[in-house]
PDB file of N, CA and C in Angstrom:
ATOM      1  N   MET A   1      -1.737 -12.924  -8.192  1.00  0.00           N
ATOM      2  CA  MET A   1      -1.497 -13.546  -6.906  1.00  0.00           C
ATOM      3  C   MET A   1      -2.729 -14.352  -6.507  1.00  0.00           C
ATOM      4  N   SER A   2      -2.506 -15.573  -6.093  1.00  0.00           N
ATOM      5  CA  SER A   2      -3.623 -16.422  -5.685  1.00  0.00           C
ATOM      6  C   SER A   2      -4.160 -15.981  -4.335  1.00  0.00           C
ATOM      7  N   ARG A   3      -5.347 -16.441  -4.024  1.00  0.00           N
ATOM      8  CA  ARG A   3      -5.917 -16.152  -2.711  1.00  0.00           C
ATOM      9  C   ARG A   3      -5.047 -16.845  -1.676  1.00  0.00           C
ATOM     10  N   SER A   4      -4.591 -16.079  -0.685  1.00  0.00           N
ATOM     11  CA  SER A   4      -3.632 -16.636   0.255  1.00  0.00           C
ATOM     12  C   SER A   4      -3.681 -15.914   1.592  1.00  0.00           C
ATOM     13  N   VAL A   5      -3.398 -16.686   2.661  1.00  0.00           N
ATOM     14  CA  VAL A   5      -3.422 -16.165   4.019  1.00  0.00           C
ATOM     15  C   VAL A   5      -2.208 -16.688   4.769  1.00  0.00           C
ATOM     16  N   LEU A   6      -1.512 -15.791   5.455  1.00  0.00           N
ATOM     17  CA  LEU A   6      -0.401 -16.146   6.325  1.00  0.00           C
ATOM     18  C   LEU A   6      -0.729 -15.660   7.730  1.00  0.00           C
ATOM     19  N   PHE A   7      -0.734 -16.585   8.703  1.00  0.00           N
ATOM     20  CA  PHE A   7      -0.941 -16.239  10.105  1.00  0.00           C
ATOM     21  C   PHE A   7       0.425 -16.097  10.766  1.00  0.00           C
ATOM     22  N   VAL A   8       0.610 -15.025  11.553  1.00  0.00           N
ATOM     23  CA  VAL A   8       1.910 -14.763  12.165  1.00  0.00           C
ATOM     24  C   VAL A   8       1.764 -14.517  13.663  1.00  0.00           C
ATOM     25  N   CYS A   9       2.539 -15.288  14.444  1.00  0.00           N
ATOM     26  CA  CYS A   9       2.654 -15.049  15.879  1.00  0.00           C
ATOM     27  C   CYS A   9       4.135 -14.916  16.210  1.00  0.00           C
ATOM     28  N   LEU A  10       4.490 -15.042  17.455  1.00  0.00           N
ATOM     29  CA  LEU A  10       5.872 -14.814  17.861  1.00  0.00           C
ATOM     30  C   LEU A  10       6.803 -15.944  17.438  1.00  0.00           C
ATOM     31  N   GLY A  11       6.483 -17.177  17.811  1.00  0.00           N
ATOM     32  CA  GLY A  11       7.408 -18.276  17.560  1.00  0.00           C
ATOM     33  C   GLY A  11       6.948 -19.317  16.564  1.00  0.00           C
ATOM     34  N   ASN A  12       5.702 -19.231  16.118  1.00  0.00           N
ATOM     35  CA  ASN A  12       5.132 -20.167  15.151  1.00  0.00           C
ATOM     36  C   ASN A  12       5.065 -21.591  15.694  1.00  0.00           C
ATOM     37  N   ILE A  13       4.730 -21.715  16.988  1.00  0.00           N
ATOM     38  CA  ILE A  13       4.530 -23.056  17.547  1.00  0.00           C
ATOM     39  C   ILE A  13       3.206 -23.184  18.300  1.00  0.00           C
ATOM     40  N   CYS A  14       2.445 -22.102  18.428  1.00  0.00           N
ATOM     41  CA  CYS A  14       1.171 -22.191  19.155  1.00  0.00           C
ATOM     42  C   CYS A  14       0.012 -21.596  18.358  1.00  0.00           C
ATOM     43  N   ARG A  15      -0.124 -20.279  18.425  1.00  0.00           N
ATOM     44  CA  ARG A  15      -1.313 -19.631  17.850  1.00  0.00           C
ATOM     45  C   ARG A  15      -1.377 -19.704  16.336  1.00  0.00           C
ATOM     46  N   SER A  16      -0.294 -19.355  15.665  1.00  0.00           N
ATOM     47  CA  SER A  16      -0.364 -19.311  14.203  1.00  0.00           C
ATOM     48  C   SER A  16      -0.538 -20.696  13.576  1.00  0.00           C
ATOM     49  N   PRO A  17       0.112 -21.770  14.071  1.00  0.00           N
ATOM     50  CA  PRO A  17      -0.179 -23.068  13.464  1.00  0.00           C
ATOM     51  C   PRO A  17      -1.607 -23.543  13.746  1.00  0.00           C
ATOM     52  N   LEU A  18      -2.151 -23.175  14.916  1.00  0.00           N
ATOM     53  CA  LEU A  18      -3.552 -23.516  15.189  1.00  0.00           C
ATOM     54  C   LEU A  18      -4.492 -22.774  14.244  1.00  0.00           C
ATOM     55  N   ALA A  19      -4.212 -21.495  14.003  1.00  0.00           N
ATOM     56  CA  ALA A  19      -5.040 -20.729  13.069  1.00  0.00           C
ATOM     57  C   ALA A  19      -4.919 -21.292  11.656  1.00  0.00           C
ATOM     58  N   GLU A  20      -3.697 -21.644  11.265  1.00  0.00           N
ATOM     59  CA  GLU A  20      -3.483 -22.256   9.951  1.00  0.00           C
ATOM     60  C   GLU A  20      -4.311 -23.531   9.810  1.00  0.00           C
ATOM     61  N   ALA A  21      -4.234 -24.389  10.820  1.00  0.00           N
ATOM     62  CA  ALA A  21      -4.956 -25.669  10.776  1.00  0.00           C
ATOM     63  C   ALA A  21      -6.467 -25.460  10.753  1.00  0.00           C
ATOM     64  N   ALA A  22      -6.953 -24.492  11.543  1.00  0.00           N
ATOM     65  CA  ALA A  22      -8.395 -24.223  11.580  1.00  0.00           C
ATOM     66  C   ALA A  22      -8.898 -23.746  10.222  1.00  0.00           C
ATOM     67  N   LEU A  23      -8.156 -22.834   9.593  1.00  0.00           N
ATOM     68  CA  LEU A  23      -8.586 -22.341   8.281  1.00  0.00           C
ATOM     69  C   LEU A  23      -8.476 -23.436   7.226  1.00  0.00           C
ATOM     70  N   ARG A  24      -7.420 -24.242   7.287  1.00  0.00           N
ATOM     71  CA  ARG A  24      -7.299 -25.356   6.337  1.00  0.00           C
ATOM     72  C   ARG A  24      -8.506 -26.284   6.441  1.00  0.00           C
ATOM     73  N   ARG A  25      -8.898 -26.586   7.669  1.00  0.00           N
ATOM     74  CA  ARG A  25     -10.040 -27.488   7.873  1.00  0.00           C
ATOM     75  C   ARG A  25     -11.322 -26.877   7.310  1.00  0.00           C
ATOM     76  N   GLU A  26     -11.554 -25.607   7.610  1.00  0.00           N
ATOM     77  CA  GLU A  26     -12.767 -24.958   7.110  1.00  0.00           C
ATOM     78  C   GLU A  26     -12.773 -24.869   5.591  1.00  0.00           C
ATOM     79  N   CYS A  27     -11.629 -24.625   4.995  1.00  0.00           N
ATOM     80  CA  CYS A  27     -11.545 -24.584   3.533  1.00  0.00           C
ATOM     81  C   CYS A  27     -11.823 -25.957   2.934  1.00  0.00           C
ATOM     82  N   ALA A  28     -11.323 -26.995   3.576  1.00  0.00           N
ATOM     83  CA  ALA A  28     -11.578 -28.357   3.095  1.00  0.00           C
ATOM     84  C   ALA A  28     -13.067 -28.681   3.175  1.00  0.00           C
ATOM     85  N   VAL A  29     -13.691 -28.313   4.269  1.00  0.00           N
ATOM     86  CA  VAL A  29     -15.128 -28.560   4.438  1.00  0.00           C
ATOM     87  C   VAL A  29     -15.936 -27.770   3.418  1.00  0.00           C
ATOM     88  N   GLY A  30     -15.528 -26.523   3.185  1.00  0.00           N
ATOM     89  CA  GLY A  30     -16.275 -25.653   2.281  1.00  0.00           C
ATOM     90  C   GLY A  30     -15.852 -25.730   0.830  1.00  0.00           C
ATOM     91  N   GLY A  31     -14.828 -26.537   0.546  1.00  0.00           N
ATOM     92  CA  GLY A  31     -14.367 -26.674  -0.822  1.00  0.00           C
ATOM     93  C   GLY A  31     -13.667 -25.440  -1.363  1.00  0.00           C
ATOM     94  N   LEU A  32     -13.024 -24.668  -0.495  1.00  0.00           N
ATOM     95  CA  LEU A  32     -12.313 -23.467  -0.924  1.00  0.00           C
ATOM     96  C   LEU A  32     -10.842 -23.773  -1.173  1.00  0.00           C
ATOM     97  N   ASP A  33     -10.287 -23.135  -2.177  1.00  0.00           N
ATOM     98  CA  ASP A  33      -8.885 -23.331  -2.527  1.00  0.00           C
ATOM     99  C   ASP A  33      -8.101 -22.085  -2.136  1.00  0.00           C
ATOM    100  N   LEU A  34      -7.398 -22.155  -1.011  1.00  0.00           N
ATOM    101  CA  LEU A  34      -6.580 -21.051  -0.533  1.00  0.00           C
ATOM    102  C   LEU A  34      -5.170 -21.548  -0.247  1.00  0.00           C
ATOM    103  N   LYS A  35      -4.202 -20.695  -0.471  1.00  0.00           N
ATOM    104  CA  LYS A  35      -2.840 -20.956  -0.003  1.00  0.00           C
ATOM    105  C   LYS A  35      -2.812 -20.480   1.449  1.00  0.00           C
ATOM    106  N   ILE A  36      -2.472 -21.377   2.378  1.00  0.00           N
ATOM    107  CA  ILE A  36      -2.504 -21.063   3.801  1.00  0.00           C
ATOM    108  C   ILE A  36      -1.187 -21.487   4.423  1.00  0.00           C
ATOM    109  N   ASP A  37      -0.628 -20.620   5.265  1.00  0.00           N
ATOM    110  CA  ASP A  37       0.621 -20.942   5.951  1.00  0.00           C
ATOM    111  C   ASP A  37       0.657 -20.163   7.255  1.00  0.00           C
ATOM    112  N   SER A  38       1.700 -20.431   8.041  1.00  0.00           N
ATOM    113  CA  SER A  38       1.927 -19.688   9.267  1.00  0.00           C
ATOM    114  C   SER A  38       3.420 -19.486   9.452  1.00  0.00           C
ATOM    115  N   ALA A  39       3.757 -18.472  10.248  1.00  0.00           N
ATOM    116  CA  ALA A  39       5.161 -18.146  10.497  1.00  0.00           C
ATOM    117  C   ALA A  39       5.253 -17.389  11.807  1.00  0.00           C
ATOM    118  N   GLY A  40       6.475 -17.223  12.273  1.00  0.00           N
ATOM    119  CA  GLY A  40       6.727 -16.464  13.491  1.00  0.00           C
ATOM    120  C   GLY A  40       7.614 -15.276  13.205  1.00  0.00           C
ATOM    121  N   THR A  41       7.525 -14.254  14.044  1.00  0.00           N
ATOM    122  CA  THR A  41       8.403 -13.105  13.880  1.00  0.00           C
ATOM    123  C   THR A  41       9.804 -13.404  14.408  1.00  0.00           C
ATOM    124  N   GLY A  42       9.908 -14.346  15.326  1.00  0.00           N
ATOM    125  CA  GLY A  42      11.199 -14.730  15.882  1.00  0.00           C
ATOM    126  C   GLY A  42      11.706 -16.021  15.275  1.00  0.00           C
ATOM    127  N   ASP A  43      12.978 -16.320  15.553  1.00  0.00           N
ATOM    128  CA  ASP A  43      13.586 -17.515  14.959  1.00  0.00           C
ATOM    129  C   ASP A  43      13.866 -18.630  15.960  1.00  0.00           C
ATOM    130  N   TRP A  44      13.352 -18.520  17.173  1.00  0.00           N
ATOM    131  CA  TRP A  44      13.663 -19.471  18.236  1.00  0.00           C
ATOM    132  C   TRP A  44      13.216 -20.893  17.940  1.00  0.00           C
ATOM    133  N   HIS A  45      12.134 -21.052  17.201  1.00  0.00           N
ATOM    134  CA  HIS A  45      11.544 -22.378  17.008  1.00  0.00           C
ATOM    135  C   HIS A  45      11.566 -22.856  15.559  1.00  0.00           C
ATOM    136  N   VAL A  46      12.407 -22.249  14.740  1.00  0.00           N
ATOM    137  CA  VAL A  46      12.488 -22.647  13.337  1.00  0.00           C
ATOM    138  C   VAL A  46      12.820 -24.137  13.252  1.00  0.00           C
ATOM    139  N   GLY A  47      12.020 -24.854  12.469  1.00  0.00           N
ATOM    140  CA  GLY A  47      12.233 -26.281  12.262  1.00  0.00           C
ATOM    141  C   GLY A  47      11.618 -27.180  13.318  1.00  0.00           C
ATOM    142  N   ARG A  48      11.076 -26.594  14.376  1.00  0.00           N
ATOM    143  CA  ARG A  48      10.494 -27.394  15.449  1.00  0.00           C
ATOM    144  C   ARG A  48       9.000 -27.588  15.243  1.00  0.00           C
ATOM    145  N   PRO A  49       8.446 -28.696  15.742  1.00  0.00           N
ATOM    146  CA  PRO A  49       7.004 -28.924  15.636  1.00  0.00           C
ATOM    147  C   PRO A  49       6.246 -28.003  16.595  1.00  0.00           C
ATOM    148  N   PRO A  50       4.949 -27.890  16.414  1.00  0.00           N
ATOM    149  CA  PRO A  50       4.146 -27.085  17.332  1.00  0.00           C
ATOM    150  C   PRO A  50       4.274 -27.596  18.774  1.00  0.00           C
ATOM    151  N   ASP A  51       4.079 -26.683  19.698  1.00  0.00           N
ATOM    152  CA  ASP A  51       4.091 -26.993  21.118  1.00  0.00           C
ATOM    153  C   ASP A  51       3.104 -28.139  21.407  1.00  0.00           C
ATOM    154  N   PRO A  52       3.458 -29.043  22.308  1.00  0.00           N
ATOM    155  CA  PRO A  52       2.561 -30.162  22.621  1.00  0.00           C
ATOM    156  C   PRO A  52       1.165 -29.718  23.049  1.00  0.00           C
ATOM    157  N   ARG A  53       1.056 -28.583  23.735  1.00  0.00           N
ATOM    158  CA  ARG A  53      -0.274 -28.091  24.138  1.00  0.00           C
ATOM    159  C   ARG A  53      -1.094 -27.676  22.921  1.00  0.00           C
ATOM    160  N   ALA A  54      -0.457 -27.053  21.942  1.00  0.00           N
ATOM    161  CA  ALA A  54      -1.156 -26.678  20.710  1.00  0.00           C
ATOM    162  C   ALA A  54      -1.569 -27.937  19.953  1.00  0.00           C
ATOM    163  N   GLN A  55      -0.686 -28.927  19.924  1.00  0.00           N
ATOM    164  CA  GLN A  55      -1.030 -30.181  19.258  1.00  0.00           C
ATOM    165  C   GLN A  55      -2.217 -30.851  19.947  1.00  0.00           C
ATOM    166  N   ALA A  56      -2.264 -30.776  21.273  1.00  0.00           N
ATOM    167  CA  ALA A  56      -3.375 -31.378  22.017  1.00  0.00           C
ATOM    168  C   ALA A  56      -4.698 -30.677  21.700  1.00  0.00           C
ATOM    169  N   VAL A  57      -4.664 -29.351  21.631  1.00  0.00           N
ATOM    170  CA  VAL A  57      -5.876 -28.592  21.286  1.00  0.00           C
ATOM    171  C   VAL A  57      -6.342 -28.965  19.885  1.00  0.00           C
ATOM    172  N   ALA A  58      -5.415 -29.031  18.958  1.00  0.00           N
ATOM    173  CA  ALA A  58      -5.769 -29.397  17.583  1.00  0.00           C
ATOM    174  C   ALA A  58      -6.353 -30.808  17.540  1.00  0.00           C
ATOM    175  N   ALA A  59      -5.694 -31.739  18.207  1.00  0.00           N
ATOM    176  CA  ALA A  59      -6.167 -33.134  18.210  1.00  0.00           C
ATOM    177  C   ALA A  59      -7.555 -33.240  18.829  1.00  0.00           C
ATOM    178  N   LYS A  60      -7.799 -32.469  19.882  1.00  0.00           N
ATOM    179  CA  LYS A  60      -9.118 -32.465  20.523  1.00  0.00           C
ATOM    180  C   LYS A  60     -10.205 -32.040  19.543  1.00  0.00           C
ATOM    181  N   ASN A  61      -9.803 -31.266  18.534  1.00  0.00           N
ATOM    182  CA  ASN A  61     -10.738 -30.802  17.512  1.00  0.00           C
ATOM    183  C   ASN A  61     -10.610 -31.570  16.201  1.00  0.00           C
ATOM    184  N   GLY A  62      -9.954 -32.739  16.278  1.00  0.00           N
ATOM    185  CA  GLY A  62      -9.880 -33.622  15.121  1.00  0.00           C
ATOM    186  C   GLY A  62      -8.875 -33.221  14.056  1.00  0.00           C
ATOM    187  N   VAL A  63      -7.870 -32.434  14.425  1.00  0.00           N
ATOM    188  CA  VAL A  63      -6.887 -31.960  13.452  1.00  0.00           C
ATOM    189  C   VAL A  63      -5.488 -32.318  13.940  1.00  0.00           C
ATOM    190  N   ASP A  64      -4.675 -32.859  13.054  1.00  0.00           N
ATOM    191  CA  ASP A  64      -3.280 -33.178  13.368  1.00  0.00           C
ATOM    192  C   ASP A  64      -2.389 -32.055  12.850  1.00  0.00           C
ATOM    193  N   ILE A  65      -1.621 -31.438  13.759  1.00  0.00           N
ATOM    194  CA  ILE A  65      -0.688 -30.395  13.327  1.00  0.00           C
ATOM    195  C   ILE A  65       0.762 -30.801  13.596  1.00  0.00           C
ATOM    196  N   GLY A  66       0.969 -32.050  13.962  1.00  0.00           N
ATOM    197  CA  GLY A  66       2.305 -32.521  14.294  1.00  0.00           C
ATOM    198  C   GLY A  66       3.300 -32.454  13.153  1.00  0.00           C
ATOM    199  N   HIS A  67       2.805 -32.423  11.923  1.00  0.00           N
ATOM    200  CA  HIS A  67       3.698 -32.369  10.762  1.00  0.00           C
ATOM    201  C   HIS A  67       4.191 -30.951  10.458  1.00  0.00           C
ATOM    202  N   LEU A  68       3.540 -29.931  11.031  1.00  0.00           N
ATOM    203  CA  LEU A  68       3.943 -28.549  10.779  1.00  0.00           C
ATOM    204  C   LEU A  68       5.286 -28.269  11.454  1.00  0.00           C
ATOM    205  N   ARG A  69       6.051 -27.357  10.888  1.00  0.00           N
ATOM    206  CA  ARG A  69       7.342 -26.962  11.435  1.00  0.00           C
ATOM    207  C   ARG A  69       7.429 -25.444  11.464  1.00  0.00           C
ATOM    208  N   GLY A  70       7.984 -24.932  12.551  1.00  0.00           N
ATOM    209  CA  GLY A  70       8.114 -23.499  12.722  1.00  0.00           C
ATOM    210  C   GLY A  70       9.021 -22.890  11.666  1.00  0.00           C
ATOM    211  N   ARG A  71       8.650 -21.693  11.238  1.00  0.00           N
ATOM    212  CA  ARG A  71       9.495 -20.937  10.319  1.00  0.00           C
ATOM    213  C   ARG A  71       9.350 -19.470  10.654  1.00  0.00           C
ATOM    214  N   GLN A  72      10.325 -18.695  10.251  1.00  0.00           N
ATOM    215  CA  GLN A  72      10.312 -17.261  10.491  1.00  0.00           C
ATOM    216  C   GLN A  72       9.765 -16.538   9.263  1.00  0.00           C
ATOM    217  N   VAL A  73       8.972 -15.521   9.507  1.00  0.00           N
ATOM    218  CA  VAL A  73       8.433 -14.730   8.408  1.00  0.00           C
ATOM    219  C   VAL A  73       9.588 -14.094   7.629  1.00  0.00           C
ATOM    220  N   THR A  74       9.412 -13.974   6.327  1.00  0.00           N
ATOM    221  CA  THR A  74      10.436 -13.392   5.460  1.00  0.00           C
ATOM    222  C   THR A  74       9.856 -12.219   4.683  1.00  0.00           C
ATOM    223  N   ALA A  75      10.722 -11.414   4.130  1.00  0.00           N
ATOM    224  CA  ALA A  75      10.270 -10.277   3.320  1.00  0.00           C
ATOM    225  C   ALA A  75       9.417 -10.747   2.149  1.00  0.00           C
ATOM    226  N   SER A  76       9.756 -11.887   1.573  1.00  0.00           N
ATOM    227  CA  SER A  76       8.988 -12.382   0.421  1.00  0.00           C
ATOM    228  C   SER A  76       7.565 -12.777   0.802  1.00  0.00           C
ATOM    229  N   ASP A  77       7.318 -13.068   2.073  1.00  0.00           N
ATOM    230  CA  ASP A  77       5.951 -13.402   2.496  1.00  0.00           C
ATOM    231  C   ASP A  77       4.988 -12.256   2.228  1.00  0.00           C
ATOM    232  N   PHE A  78       5.474 -11.029   2.298  1.00  0.00           N
ATOM    233  CA  PHE A  78       4.611  -9.872   2.062  1.00  0.00           C
ATOM    234  C   PHE A  78       4.188  -9.770   0.601  1.00  0.00           C
ATOM    235  N   HIS A  79       4.926 -10.414  -0.287  1.00  0.00           N
ATOM    236  CA  HIS A  79       4.580 -10.448  -1.702  1.00  0.00           C
ATOM    237  C   HIS A  79       3.842 -11.733  -2.062  1.00  0.00           C
ATOM    238  N   ASP A  80       4.082 -12.797  -1.300  1.00  0.00           N
ATOM    239  CA  ASP A  80       3.514 -14.111  -1.607  1.00  0.00           C
ATOM    240  C   ASP A  80       2.114 -14.321  -1.040  1.00  0.00           C
ATOM    241  N   PHE A  81       1.707 -13.487  -0.068  1.00  0.00           N
ATOM    242  CA  PHE A  81       0.406 -13.657   0.579  1.00  0.00           C
ATOM    243  C   PHE A  81      -0.414 -12.383   0.451  1.00  0.00           C
ATOM    244  N   VAL A  82      -1.691 -12.560   0.106  1.00  0.00           N
ATOM    245  CA  VAL A  82      -2.611 -11.428   0.013  1.00  0.00           C
ATOM    246  C   VAL A  82      -2.911 -10.901   1.409  1.00  0.00           C
ATOM    247  N   HIS A  83      -3.140 -11.809   2.352  1.00  0.00           N
ATOM    248  CA  HIS A  83      -3.474 -11.439   3.724  1.00  0.00           C
ATOM    249  C   HIS A  83      -2.387 -11.957   4.658  1.00  0.00           C
ATOM    250  N   VAL A  84      -1.785 -11.063   5.420  1.00  0.00           N
ATOM    251  CA  VAL A  84      -0.828 -11.413   6.466  1.00  0.00           C
ATOM    252  C   VAL A  84      -1.491 -10.991   7.774  1.00  0.00           C
ATOM    253  N   ILE A  85      -1.850 -11.979   8.586  1.00  0.00           N
ATOM    254  CA  ILE A  85      -2.642 -11.718   9.787  1.00  0.00           C
ATOM    255  C   ILE A  85      -1.786 -11.897  11.031  1.00  0.00           C
ATOM    256  N   ALA A  86      -1.612 -10.794  11.763  1.00  0.00           N
ATOM    257  CA  ALA A  86      -0.875 -10.816  13.024  1.00  0.00           C
ATOM    258  C   ALA A  86      -1.797 -11.343  14.120  1.00  0.00           C
ATOM    259  N   MET A  87      -1.258 -12.216  14.963  1.00  0.00           N
ATOM    260  CA  MET A  87      -2.075 -12.826  16.008  1.00  0.00           C
ATOM    261  C   MET A  87      -2.237 -11.925  17.235  1.00  0.00           C
ATOM    262  N   ASP A  88      -1.448 -10.857  17.351  1.00  0.00           N
ATOM    263  CA  ASP A  88      -1.641  -9.872  18.417  1.00  0.00           C
ATOM    264  C   ASP A  88      -0.988  -8.553  18.003  1.00  0.00           C
ATOM    265  N   ARG A  89      -1.152  -7.538  18.832  1.00  0.00           N
ATOM    266  CA  ARG A  89      -0.656  -6.198  18.489  1.00  0.00           C
ATOM    267  C   ARG A  89       0.865  -6.144  18.377  1.00  0.00           C
ATOM    268  N   GLN A  90       1.562  -6.856  19.251  1.00  0.00           N
ATOM    269  CA  GLN A  90       3.023  -6.842  19.173  1.00  0.00           C
ATOM    270  C   GLN A  90       3.495  -7.492  17.874  1.00  0.00           C
ATOM    271  N   ASN A  91       2.834  -8.588  17.478  1.00  0.00           N
ATOM    272  CA  ASN A  91       3.182  -9.214  16.202  1.00  0.00           C
ATOM    273  C   ASN A  91       2.938  -8.248  15.055  1.00  0.00           C
ATOM    274  N   LEU A  92       1.870  -7.470  15.134  1.00  0.00           N
ATOM    275  CA  LEU A  92       1.590  -6.481  14.101  1.00  0.00           C
ATOM    276  C   LEU A  92       2.697  -5.429  14.046  1.00  0.00           C
ATOM    277  N   ARG A  93       3.131  -4.944  15.197  1.00  0.00           N
ATOM    278  CA  ARG A  93       4.231  -3.962  15.216  1.00  0.00           C
ATOM    279  C   ARG A  93       5.501  -4.566  14.631  1.00  0.00           C
ATOM    280  N   ASP A  94       5.790  -5.817  14.987  1.00  0.00           N
ATOM    281  CA  ASP A  94       6.972  -6.486  14.450  1.00  0.00           C
ATOM    282  C   ASP A  94       6.870  -6.629  12.928  1.00  0.00           C
ATOM    283  N   LEU A  95       5.694  -6.995  12.442  1.00  0.00           N
ATOM    284  CA  LEU A  95       5.501  -7.132  10.999  1.00  0.00           C
ATOM    285  C   LEU A  95       5.662  -5.795  10.281  1.00  0.00           C
ATOM    286  N   GLU A  96       5.104  -4.750  10.871  1.00  0.00           N
ATOM    287  CA  GLU A  96       5.234  -3.425  10.259  1.00  0.00           C
ATOM    288  C   GLU A  96       6.702  -2.998  10.176  1.00  0.00           C
ATOM    289  N   ALA A  97       7.492  -3.414  11.160  1.00  0.00           N
ATOM    290  CA  ALA A  97       8.906  -3.032  11.180  1.00  0.00           C
ATOM    291  C   ALA A  97       9.722  -3.761  10.110  1.00  0.00           C
ATOM    292  N   ILE A  98       9.309  -4.974   9.735  1.00  0.00           N
ATOM    293  CA  ILE A  98      10.074  -5.738   8.746  1.00  0.00           C
ATOM    294  C   ILE A  98       9.452  -5.737   7.365  1.00  0.00           C
ATOM    295  N   ARG A  99       8.270  -5.146   7.236  1.00  0.00           N
ATOM    296  CA  ARG A  99       7.587  -5.118   5.942  1.00  0.00           C
ATOM    297  C   ARG A  99       8.428  -4.327   4.936  1.00  0.00           C
ATOM    298  N   PRO A 100       8.692  -4.921   3.797  1.00  0.00           N
ATOM    299  CA  PRO A 100       9.468  -4.198   2.781  1.00  0.00           C
ATOM    300  C   PRO A 100       8.641  -3.083   2.155  1.00  0.00           C
ATOM    301  N   ALA A 101       9.324  -2.113   1.609  1.00  0.00           N
ATOM    302  CA  ALA A 101       8.631  -1.017   0.929  1.00  0.00           C
ATOM    303  C   ALA A 101       7.859  -1.578  -0.260  1.00  0.00           C
ATOM    304  N   GLY A 102       6.706  -0.964  -0.512  1.00  0.00           N
ATOM    305  CA  GLY A 102       5.909  -1.386  -1.656  1.00  0.00           C
ATOM    306  C   GLY A 102       4.987  -2.499  -1.347  1.00  0.00           C
TER     307      GLY A 102
END
């Protein structure tokens, strides 16, 4: 399994895409090769771009996240990513509830 990080929040339109973008930028600056993605525990925003406020924060820091699209975390994500990072305690509880055995 390659080095990989998945950031997970509730809807995948605010915190997790910002975390994804921040890590991507730092990896680019540092020359690190990581698989990086983000997802949400809920399905409300699947296919939608990040919230305009999140896009504004990213743009203020020189990063464009407008191309990202919300997606829901899947069971295969637990096998595809070495690190699955919950953005808060409720997201962690949700992830623990859907984490497949093994």
